[in-house]
C-alpha atoms as a PDB file:
ATOM      1  CA  MET A   1      -6.144   6.983  39.502  1.00  0.00           C
ATOM      2  CA  SER A   2      -6.112  10.305  37.704  1.00  0.00           C
ATOM      3  CA  LYS A   3      -8.961  11.649  35.620  1.00  0.00           C
ATOM      4  CA  ILE A   4      -7.030  10.779  32.458  1.00  0.00           C
ATOM      5  CA  ASP A   5      -6.492   7.185  33.628  1.00  0.00           C
ATOM      6  CA  ASP A   6     -10.201   6.910  34.422  1.00  0.00           C
ATOM      7  CA  LEU A   7     -11.136   8.305  31.028  1.00  0.00           C
ATOM      8  CA  LEU A   8      -8.725   5.968  29.217  1.00  0.00           C
ATOM      9  CA  ALA A   9     -10.053   2.959  31.140  1.00  0.00           C
ATOM     10  CA  LYS A  10     -13.634   3.936  30.341  1.00  0.00           C
ATOM     11  CA  GLU A  11     -12.897   4.492  26.628  1.00  0.00           C
ATOM     12  CA  GLY A  12     -10.907   1.246  26.455  1.00  0.00           C
ATOM     13  CA  ALA A  13     -13.769  -0.730  27.995  1.00  0.00           C
ATOM     14  CA  ALA A  14     -16.252   0.897  25.599  1.00  0.00           C
ATOM     15  CA  ALA A  15     -14.061   0.002  22.606  1.00  0.00           C
ATOM     16  CA  GLU A  16     -13.718  -3.605  23.777  1.00  0.00           C
ATOM     17  CA  ASN A  17     -17.489  -3.932  24.182  1.00  0.00           C
ATOM     18  CA  TYR A  18     -18.432  -2.135  20.951  1.00  0.00           C
ATOM     19  CA  GLN A  19     -20.921  -3.991  18.777  1.00  0.00           C
ATOM     20  CA  MET A  20     -21.305  -3.159  15.081  1.00  0.00           C
ATOM     21  CA  PRO A  21     -24.863  -2.055  14.343  1.00  0.00           C
ATOM     22  CA  GLU A  22     -26.931  -4.498  12.292  1.00  0.00           C
ATOM     23  CA  GLN A  23     -27.482  -1.812   9.673  1.00  0.00           C
ATOM     24  CA  LEU A  24     -25.020   0.962   8.888  1.00  0.00           C
ATOM     25  CA  PRO A  25     -26.222   4.526   8.342  1.00  0.00           C
ATOM     26  CA  GLU A  26     -27.012   5.381   4.714  1.00  0.00           C
ATOM     27  CA  HIS A  27     -23.963   7.594   4.255  1.00  0.00           C
ATOM     28  CA  VAL A  28     -21.533   4.874   5.458  1.00  0.00           C
ATOM     29  CA  THR A  29     -20.068   2.374   3.018  1.00  0.00           C
ATOM     30  CA  ALA A  30     -18.233  -0.592   4.490  1.00  0.00           C
ATOM     31  CA  THR A  31     -15.521  -2.123   2.346  1.00  0.00           C
ATOM     32  CA  ARG A  32     -12.959  -4.853   2.785  1.00  0.00           C
ATOM     33  CA  PRO A  33     -10.583  -4.136  -0.098  1.00  0.00           C
ATOM     34  CA  ASN A  34      -7.896  -6.575   1.042  1.00  0.00           C
ATOM     35  CA  LEU A  35     -10.199  -9.492   1.725  1.00  0.00           C
ATOM     36  CA  GLY A  36      -8.766 -11.469  -1.200  1.00  0.00           C
ATOM     37  CA  ARG A  37      -5.169 -10.791  -0.158  1.00  0.00           C
ATOM     38  CA  ALA A  38      -4.182 -13.429   2.355  1.00  0.00           C
ATOM     39  CA  THR A  39      -0.384 -13.095   2.371  1.00  0.00           C
ATOM     40  CA  VAL A  40       1.600 -10.466   4.239  1.00  0.00           C
ATOM     41  CA  VAL A  41       5.196  -9.816   3.175  1.00  0.00           C
ATOM     42  CA  SER A  42       7.789  -8.222   5.445  1.00  0.00           C
ATOM     43  CA  VAL A  43      10.603  -6.213   3.906  1.00  0.00           C
ATOM     44  CA  ARG A  44      13.651  -4.809   5.680  1.00  0.00           C
ATOM     45  CA  LEU A  45      14.551  -1.249   4.732  1.00  0.00           C
ATOM     46  CA  SER A  46      17.078   1.237   6.003  1.00  0.00           C
ATOM     47  CA  ALA A  47      15.738   4.247   7.877  1.00  0.00           C
ATOM     48  CA  ASP A  48      16.538   6.413   4.844  1.00  0.00           C
ATOM     49  CA  GLU A  49      14.725   4.087   2.449  1.00  0.00           C
ATOM     50  CA  HIS A  50      11.697   4.018   4.738  1.00  0.00           C
ATOM     51  CA  ALA A  51      11.722   7.805   4.979  1.00  0.00           C
ATOM     52  CA  GLN A  52      11.826   8.053   1.180  1.00  0.00           C
ATOM     53  CA  LEU A  53       8.861   5.679   0.920  1.00  0.00           C
ATOM     54  CA  GLN A  54       6.943   7.661   3.527  1.00  0.00           C
ATOM     55  CA  HIS A  55       7.630  10.863   1.599  1.00  0.00           C
ATOM     56  CA  ALA A  56       6.512   9.316  -1.700  1.00  0.00           C
ATOM     57  CA  ALA A  57       3.401   7.887  -0.063  1.00  0.00           C
ATOM     58  CA  GLY A  58       2.611  11.245   1.497  1.00  0.00           C
ATOM     59  CA  GLU A  59       2.966  12.944  -1.892  1.00  0.00           C
ATOM     60  CA  ALA A  60       0.514  10.400  -3.336  1.00  0.00           C
ATOM     61  CA  ASN A  61      -1.833  10.663  -0.323  1.00  0.00           C
ATOM     62  CA  LEU A  62      -1.539   6.914   0.210  1.00  0.00           C
ATOM     63  CA  PRO A  63      -0.452   4.701   3.075  1.00  0.00           C
ATOM     64  CA  VAL A  64       3.081   3.332   2.605  1.00  0.00           C
ATOM     65  CA  SER A  65       1.800  -0.249   2.306  1.00  0.00           C
ATOM     66  CA  THR A  66      -0.618   0.742  -0.467  1.00  0.00           C
ATOM     67  CA  LEU A  67       2.125   2.519  -2.407  1.00  0.00           C
ATOM     68  CA  ILE A  68       4.425  -0.501  -2.086  1.00  0.00           C
ATOM     69  CA  ARG A  69       1.628  -2.819  -3.246  1.00  0.00           C
ATOM     70  CA  ILE A  70       0.863  -0.579  -6.255  1.00  0.00           C
ATOM     71  CA  TRP A  71       4.523  -0.428  -7.254  1.00  0.00           C
ATOM     72  CA  ALA A  72       5.027  -4.179  -6.818  1.00  0.00           C
ATOM     73  CA  LEU A  73       1.924  -5.076  -8.821  1.00  0.00           C
ATOM     74  CA  ASP A  74       2.873  -2.552 -11.505  1.00  0.00           C
ATOM     75  CA  ARG A  75       6.296  -4.168 -11.813  1.00  0.00           C
ATOM     76  CA  LEU A  76       4.764  -7.659 -11.996  1.00  0.00           C
ATOM     77  CA  HIS A  77       2.467  -6.450 -14.758  1.00  0.00           C
ATOM     78  CA  ALA A  78       5.415  -4.905 -16.610  1.00  0.00           C
ATOM     79  CA  GLU A  79       7.399  -8.142 -16.282  1.00  0.00           C
ATOM     80  CA  SER A  80       4.544 -10.178 -17.714  1.00  0.00           C
ATOM     81  CA  ALA A  81       4.265  -7.684 -20.595  1.00  0.00           C
ATOM     82  CA  GLY A  82       7.970  -8.029 -21.441  1.00  0.00           C
ATOM     83  CA  GLY A  83       9.329  -5.268 -19.198  1.00  0.00           C
ATOM     84  CA  THR A  84       8.604  -1.616 -18.639  1.00  0.00           C
ATOM     85  CA  VAL A  85       8.110   0.714 -21.580  1.00  0.00           C
ATOM     86  CA  SER A  86      11.624   2.139 -21.183  1.00  0.00           C
ATOM     87  CA  GLU A  87      13.123  -1.381 -21.009  1.00  0.00           C
ATOM     88  CA  ARG A  88      11.261  -2.479 -24.138  1.00  0.00           C
ATOM     89  CA  LEU A  89      12.304   0.710 -25.955  1.00  0.00           C
ATOM     90  CA  ALA A  90      15.964   0.155 -24.989  1.00  0.00           C
ATOM     91  CA  ARG A  91      15.747  -3.418 -26.271  1.00  0.00           C
ATOM     92  CA  LEU A  92      14.245  -2.194 -29.551  1.00  0.00           C
ATOM     93  CA  GLU A  93      16.956   0.455 -29.941  1.00  0.00           C
ATOM     94  CA  ARG A  94      19.673  -2.175 -29.413  1.00  0.00           C
ATOM     95  CA  GLN A  95      18.114  -4.428 -32.023  1.00  0.00           C
ATOM     96  CA  VAL A  96      17.715  -1.605 -34.560  1.00  0.00           C
ATOM     97  CA  PHE A  97      21.249  -0.284 -34.122  1.00  0.00           C
ATOM     98  CA  GLN A  98      22.773  -3.781 -34.212  1.00  0.00           C
ATOM     99  CA  HIS A  99      21.183  -4.397 -37.604  1.00  0.00           C
ATOM    100  CA  THR A 100      22.272  -1.041 -39.064  1.00  0.00           C
ATOM    101  CA  ALA A 101      25.880  -1.314 -37.903  1.00  0.00           C
END
């Protein structure tokens, strides 16, 4: 085995045997933000669509999955509120102009 193989084997064994300390250091905060989210959804995207999502996520400094979740939840909220602001405005404009015509 090479030195790199030995090092990788040693690090792998250490990771497998790692035990979380009973008490974390003061400056460390442990969170489990997705604990209440039990369902995983798979979505098929083209390579171009995935690249666009990665770019948008990078611009927002977020992981792709977080950006997708934010957008999906935002859309669900908009749907429950009667649509997005632009959709509601378009509906209002149609109603106003139908009555004045």
